[in-house]
């Protein structure tokens, strides 16, 4: 993983990008290499676990993680299953901009 850090130091990384790096839980010598991937996705978790935070307030955990839904080649799931280190570039802004117009009409009714 030092190789990844050295590449970032040498080349830089845009300020709005985060790298999601997943490493298979195997011996280093069995890793097949590195893959640039996209996020796979899981089925929605259907369990909500109520709990209390450190101050006694109610919190809710959504999980445990469900089974993967999209594990095709090119996904982070596929890379890990095939003993590759997965590197997925993520953007910091998670706003669903394409839905802003549609949602603004019903937010106005709240």
N, C-alpha and C. Protein backbone atom coordinates (compact mmCIF):
# COMPACT_ATOMS: atom_id res chain seq x y z
N UNK A 1 0.82 -1.18 0.00
CA UNK A 1 0.00 0.00 0.00
C UNK A 1 0.86 1.25 0.00
N UNK A 2 2.10 1.06 0.36
CA UNK A 2 3.05 2.16 0.28
C UNK A 2 3.20 2.64 -1.17
N UNK A 3 3.05 1.72 -2.13
CA UNK A 3 3.11 2.08 -3.55
C UNK A 3 2.03 3.10 -3.89
N UNK A 4 0.84 2.90 -3.34
CA UNK A 4 -0.27 3.82 -3.61
C UNK A 4 0.04 5.20 -3.04
N UNK A 5 0.53 5.24 -1.81
CA UNK A 5 0.88 6.53 -1.19
C UNK A 5 1.97 7.24 -1.97
N UNK A 6 2.95 6.50 -2.43
CA UNK A 6 4.04 7.11 -3.20
C UNK A 6 3.53 7.68 -4.52
N UNK A 7 2.60 6.99 -5.17
CA UNK A 7 2.02 7.50 -6.41
C UNK A 7 1.24 8.79 -6.16
N UNK A 8 0.50 8.84 -5.05
CA UNK A 8 -0.24 10.05 -4.71
C UNK A 8 0.73 11.20 -4.45
N UNK A 9 1.79 10.91 -3.72
CA UNK A 9 2.78 11.96 -3.44
C UNK A 9 3.42 12.46 -4.72
N UNK A 10 3.73 11.57 -5.64
CA UNK A 10 4.41 11.95 -6.87
C UNK A 10 3.49 12.66 -7.85
N UNK A 11 2.25 12.20 -7.96
CA UNK A 11 1.34 12.72 -8.98
C UNK A 11 0.28 13.67 -8.45
N UNK A 12 0.04 13.61 -7.15
CA UNK A 12 -1.03 14.40 -6.57
C UNK A 12 -2.37 13.72 -6.76
N UNK A 13 -3.39 14.26 -6.14
CA UNK A 13 -4.74 13.73 -6.22
C UNK A 13 -5.67 14.94 -6.12
N UNK A 14 -6.65 15.05 -7.01
CA UNK A 14 -7.57 16.18 -6.91
C UNK A 14 -8.19 16.28 -5.51
N UNK A 15 -8.43 17.49 -5.05
CA UNK A 15 -8.92 17.70 -3.68
C UNK A 15 -10.32 17.17 -3.46
N UNK A 16 -11.07 16.90 -4.53
CA UNK A 16 -12.44 16.39 -4.35
C UNK A 16 -12.53 14.87 -4.55
N UNK A 17 -11.39 14.19 -4.58
CA UNK A 17 -11.36 12.74 -4.78
C UNK A 17 -10.84 12.05 -3.52
N UNK A 18 -11.51 10.97 -3.16
CA UNK A 18 -11.07 10.08 -2.09
C UNK A 18 -10.84 8.72 -2.72
N UNK A 19 -9.77 8.04 -2.36
CA UNK A 19 -9.56 6.70 -2.86
C UNK A 19 -10.05 5.69 -1.83
N UNK A 20 -10.95 4.84 -2.26
CA UNK A 20 -11.44 3.74 -1.43
C UNK A 20 -10.60 2.52 -1.81
N UNK A 21 -9.73 2.10 -0.90
CA UNK A 21 -8.81 0.99 -1.18
C UNK A 21 -9.22 -0.21 -0.34
N UNK A 22 -9.46 -1.33 -1.02
CA UNK A 22 -9.81 -2.58 -0.34
C UNK A 22 -8.75 -3.62 -0.66
N UNK A 23 -8.28 -4.30 0.37
CA UNK A 23 -7.23 -5.29 0.23
C UNK A 23 -7.79 -6.65 0.64
N UNK A 24 -7.61 -7.67 -0.22
CA UNK A 24 -8.12 -8.99 0.17
C UNK A 24 -7.38 -9.51 1.41
N UNK A 25 -8.07 -10.27 2.21
CA UNK A 25 -7.51 -10.82 3.45
C UNK A 25 -6.76 -12.12 3.14
N UNK A 26 -5.63 -11.95 2.47
CA UNK A 26 -4.78 -13.09 2.08
C UNK A 26 -3.33 -12.69 2.27
N UNK A 27 -2.42 -13.66 2.15
CA UNK A 27 -1.00 -13.36 2.22
C UNK A 27 -0.62 -12.41 1.07
N UNK A 28 0.30 -11.49 1.33
CA UNK A 28 0.68 -10.50 0.33
C UNK A 28 1.15 -11.15 -0.97
N UNK A 29 1.88 -12.24 -0.88
CA UNK A 29 2.41 -12.88 -2.09
C UNK A 29 1.32 -13.49 -2.96
N UNK A 30 0.10 -13.65 -2.43
CA UNK A 30 -1.01 -14.21 -3.20
C UNK A 30 -1.87 -13.14 -3.87
N UNK A 31 -1.54 -11.86 -3.63
CA UNK A 31 -2.28 -10.76 -4.27
C UNK A 31 -1.90 -10.73 -5.75
N UNK A 32 -2.91 -10.69 -6.60
CA UNK A 32 -2.71 -10.74 -8.06
C UNK A 32 -2.37 -9.39 -8.68
N UNK A 33 -2.41 -8.33 -7.90
CA UNK A 33 -2.11 -7.00 -8.42
C UNK A 33 -3.15 -5.99 -7.97
N UNK A 34 -3.21 -4.88 -8.68
CA UNK A 34 -4.10 -3.78 -8.34
C UNK A 34 -5.08 -3.56 -9.48
N UNK A 35 -6.32 -3.21 -9.15
CA UNK A 35 -7.33 -2.91 -10.16
C UNK A 35 -8.00 -1.60 -9.82
N UNK A 36 -8.17 -0.74 -10.82
CA UNK A 36 -9.00 0.44 -10.68
C UNK A 36 -10.43 -0.03 -10.88
N UNK A 37 -11.29 0.23 -9.92
CA UNK A 37 -12.63 -0.36 -9.93
C UNK A 37 -13.70 0.71 -9.74
N UNK A 38 -14.94 0.26 -9.97
CA UNK A 38 -16.11 1.06 -9.61
C UNK A 38 -16.75 0.36 -8.42
N UNK A 39 -17.61 1.08 -7.73
CA UNK A 39 -18.30 0.48 -6.60
C UNK A 39 -19.28 -0.57 -7.08
N UNK A 40 -19.25 -1.73 -6.47
CA UNK A 40 -20.32 -2.69 -6.65
C UNK A 40 -21.45 -2.24 -5.75
N UNK A 41 -22.54 -2.96 -5.73
CA UNK A 41 -23.61 -2.58 -4.81
C UNK A 41 -24.20 -3.82 -4.16
N UNK A 42 -24.84 -3.59 -3.05
CA UNK A 42 -25.47 -4.66 -2.29
C UNK A 42 -26.97 -4.51 -2.37
N UNK A 43 -27.67 -5.59 -2.10
CA UNK A 43 -29.11 -5.49 -1.89
C UNK A 43 -29.32 -4.62 -0.66
N UNK A 44 -30.44 -3.99 -0.56
CA UNK A 44 -30.70 -3.17 0.63
C UNK A 44 -30.73 -4.04 1.88
N UNK A 45 -30.14 -3.54 2.94
CA UNK A 45 -30.19 -4.25 4.22
C UNK A 45 -31.63 -4.20 4.72
N UNK A 46 -32.12 -5.31 5.19
CA UNK A 46 -33.50 -5.33 5.67
C UNK A 46 -33.59 -5.45 7.18
N UNK A 47 -32.48 -5.24 7.84
CA UNK A 47 -32.46 -5.29 9.29
C UNK A 47 -32.04 -3.92 9.84
N UNK A 48 -32.81 -3.41 10.78
CA UNK A 48 -32.45 -2.18 11.47
C UNK A 48 -32.25 -2.55 12.93
N UNK A 49 -31.08 -2.22 13.46
CA UNK A 49 -30.72 -2.60 14.82
C UNK A 49 -30.76 -1.37 15.71
N UNK A 50 -31.77 -1.29 16.63
CA UNK A 50 -31.80 -0.16 17.56
C UNK A 50 -30.69 -0.31 18.61
N UNK A 51 -30.11 0.82 19.01
CA UNK A 51 -29.05 0.82 20.02
C UNK A 51 -29.07 2.16 20.73
N UNK A 52 -28.16 2.34 21.67
CA UNK A 52 -27.99 3.60 22.40
C UNK A 52 -26.57 4.09 22.18
N UNK A 53 -26.42 5.41 22.02
CA UNK A 53 -25.07 5.94 21.90
C UNK A 53 -24.47 6.11 23.30
N UNK A 54 -23.27 6.65 23.38
CA UNK A 54 -22.56 6.80 24.66
C UNK A 54 -23.31 7.68 25.65
N UNK A 55 -24.19 8.55 25.15
CA UNK A 55 -24.96 9.44 26.02
C UNK A 55 -26.37 8.92 26.29
N UNK A 56 -26.65 7.70 25.85
CA UNK A 56 -27.95 7.10 26.10
C UNK A 56 -29.03 7.47 25.10
N UNK A 57 -28.66 8.17 24.03
CA UNK A 57 -29.65 8.54 23.00
C UNK A 57 -29.86 7.39 22.03
N UNK A 58 -31.07 7.31 21.50
CA UNK A 58 -31.40 6.27 20.53
C UNK A 58 -30.64 6.48 19.23
N UNK A 59 -30.07 5.40 18.72
CA UNK A 59 -29.46 5.40 17.40
C UNK A 59 -29.91 4.12 16.71
N UNK A 60 -29.75 4.08 15.39
CA UNK A 60 -30.18 2.92 14.63
C UNK A 60 -29.10 2.55 13.62
N UNK A 61 -28.66 1.30 13.68
CA UNK A 61 -27.69 0.78 12.73
C UNK A 61 -28.44 0.07 11.62
N UNK A 62 -28.11 0.37 10.40
CA UNK A 62 -28.71 -0.31 9.28
C UNK A 62 -27.74 -1.41 8.86
N UNK A 63 -28.18 -2.62 9.02
CA UNK A 63 -27.30 -3.74 8.71
C UNK A 63 -27.73 -4.96 9.45
N UNK A 64 -27.01 -6.01 9.47
CA UNK A 64 -25.66 -6.15 8.94
C UNK A 64 -25.66 -6.06 7.42
N UNK A 65 -24.46 -5.93 6.84
CA UNK A 65 -24.42 -5.80 5.38
C UNK A 65 -25.13 -6.95 4.69
N UNK A 66 -25.83 -6.64 3.64
CA UNK A 66 -26.53 -7.67 2.88
C UNK A 66 -25.59 -8.29 1.86
N UNK A 67 -26.11 -9.24 1.13
CA UNK A 67 -25.33 -9.89 0.09
C UNK A 67 -25.07 -8.93 -1.07
N UNK A 68 -23.91 -9.04 -1.70
CA UNK A 68 -23.65 -8.20 -2.87
C UNK A 68 -24.65 -8.46 -3.98
N UNK A 69 -25.00 -7.41 -4.70
CA UNK A 69 -25.93 -7.51 -5.82
C UNK A 69 -25.19 -7.38 -7.15
N UNK A 70 -24.25 -6.46 -7.21
CA UNK A 70 -23.49 -6.22 -8.43
C UNK A 70 -22.05 -6.59 -8.15
N UNK A 71 -21.64 -7.76 -8.62
CA UNK A 71 -20.28 -8.24 -8.37
C UNK A 71 -19.54 -8.49 -9.68
N UNK A 72 -20.00 -7.84 -10.75
CA UNK A 72 -19.41 -8.05 -12.06
C UNK A 72 -17.98 -7.57 -12.16
N UNK A 73 -17.32 -8.05 -13.20
CA UNK A 73 -15.94 -7.64 -13.44
C UNK A 73 -15.87 -6.12 -13.53
N UNK A 74 -14.88 -5.57 -12.88
CA UNK A 74 -14.73 -4.12 -12.84
C UNK A 74 -15.18 -3.52 -11.52
N UNK A 75 -15.91 -4.31 -10.70
CA UNK A 75 -16.35 -3.80 -9.40
C UNK A 75 -15.32 -4.11 -8.33
N UNK A 76 -15.44 -3.39 -7.22
CA UNK A 76 -14.56 -3.66 -6.08
C UNK A 76 -14.80 -5.06 -5.52
N UNK A 77 -16.05 -5.51 -5.52
CA UNK A 77 -16.34 -6.88 -5.05
C UNK A 77 -15.60 -7.91 -5.90
N UNK A 78 -15.68 -7.75 -7.23
CA UNK A 78 -15.03 -8.69 -8.13
C UNK A 78 -13.53 -8.72 -7.87
N UNK A 79 -12.92 -7.55 -7.73
CA UNK A 79 -11.47 -7.47 -7.51
C UNK A 79 -11.07 -8.24 -6.25
N UNK A 80 -11.77 -8.01 -5.17
CA UNK A 80 -11.43 -8.69 -3.91
C UNK A 80 -11.63 -10.20 -4.04
N UNK A 81 -12.74 -10.62 -4.65
CA UNK A 81 -12.99 -12.06 -4.84
C UNK A 81 -11.92 -12.72 -5.70
N UNK A 82 -11.26 -11.93 -6.53
CA UNK A 82 -10.23 -12.48 -7.41
C UNK A 82 -8.82 -12.11 -6.95
N UNK A 83 -8.69 -11.75 -5.69
CA UNK A 83 -7.40 -11.51 -5.03
C UNK A 83 -6.62 -10.33 -5.60
N UNK A 84 -7.35 -9.27 -6.00
CA UNK A 84 -6.72 -8.02 -6.40
C UNK A 84 -6.99 -6.97 -5.33
N UNK A 85 -6.10 -6.00 -5.20
CA UNK A 85 -6.36 -4.82 -4.40
C UNK A 85 -7.27 -3.93 -5.26
N UNK A 86 -8.35 -3.47 -4.69
CA UNK A 86 -9.32 -2.64 -5.38
C UNK A 86 -9.08 -1.18 -5.02
N UNK A 87 -8.97 -0.33 -6.05
CA UNK A 87 -8.82 1.11 -5.84
C UNK A 87 -9.98 1.79 -6.56
N UNK A 88 -10.89 2.38 -5.79
CA UNK A 88 -12.07 3.03 -6.36
C UNK A 88 -12.02 4.52 -6.05
N UNK A 89 -11.95 5.38 -7.08
CA UNK A 89 -11.98 6.82 -6.83
C UNK A 89 -13.42 7.25 -6.53
N UNK A 90 -13.59 7.98 -5.44
CA UNK A 90 -14.90 8.48 -5.04
C UNK A 90 -14.87 10.00 -5.04
N UNK A 91 -16.01 10.61 -5.33
CA UNK A 91 -16.11 12.06 -5.23
C UNK A 91 -16.65 12.41 -3.86
N UNK A 92 -16.22 13.54 -3.34
CA UNK A 92 -16.62 13.96 -2.01
C UNK A 92 -18.08 14.38 -1.99
N UNK A 93 -18.54 15.09 -3.00
CA UNK A 93 -19.91 15.60 -3.04
C UNK A 93 -20.86 14.49 -3.47
N UNK A 94 -21.66 13.98 -2.54
CA UNK A 94 -22.59 12.89 -2.82
C UNK A 94 -23.98 13.39 -3.22
N UNK A 95 -24.12 14.70 -3.42
CA UNK A 95 -25.41 15.27 -3.78
C UNK A 95 -25.93 14.68 -5.09
N UNK A 96 -27.17 14.24 -5.09
CA UNK A 96 -27.81 13.71 -6.30
C UNK A 96 -28.34 14.88 -7.11
N UNK A 97 -27.46 15.58 -7.77
CA UNK A 97 -27.81 16.82 -8.47
C UNK A 97 -28.89 16.61 -9.53
N UNK A 98 -28.88 15.46 -10.19
CA UNK A 98 -29.87 15.23 -11.25
C UNK A 98 -31.28 15.13 -10.72
N UNK A 99 -31.46 14.94 -9.41
CA UNK A 99 -32.79 14.81 -8.81
C UNK A 99 -33.24 16.07 -8.08
N UNK A 100 -32.44 17.11 -8.07
CA UNK A 100 -32.77 18.31 -7.30
C UNK A 100 -34.08 18.95 -7.77
N UNK A 101 -34.27 19.10 -9.07
CA UNK A 101 -35.49 19.72 -9.59
C UNK A 101 -36.73 18.94 -9.21
N UNK A 102 -36.69 17.65 -9.41
CA UNK A 102 -37.83 16.78 -9.10
C UNK A 102 -38.19 16.83 -7.62
N UNK A 103 -37.19 16.81 -6.76
CA UNK A 103 -37.45 16.79 -5.32
C UNK A 103 -37.84 18.14 -4.76
N UNK A 104 -37.46 19.21 -5.42
CA UNK A 104 -37.78 20.54 -4.88
C UNK A 104 -39.28 20.77 -4.81
N UNK A 105 -40.04 20.18 -5.72
CA UNK A 105 -41.49 20.39 -5.71
C UNK A 105 -42.15 19.75 -4.50
N UNK A 106 -41.70 18.58 -4.10
CA UNK A 106 -42.36 18.00 -2.93
C UNK A 106 -41.79 18.53 -1.63
N UNK A 107 -40.53 19.00 -1.63
CA UNK A 107 -39.99 19.63 -0.41
C UNK A 107 -40.75 20.91 -0.12
N UNK A 108 -41.15 21.62 -1.14
CA UNK A 108 -41.92 22.87 -0.96
C UNK A 108 -43.25 22.62 -0.27
N UNK A 109 -43.76 21.41 -0.34
CA UNK A 109 -45.06 21.07 0.28
C UNK A 109 -44.93 20.64 1.74
N UNK A 110 -43.74 20.52 2.22
CA UNK A 110 -43.55 20.07 3.62
C UNK A 110 -43.86 21.20 4.58
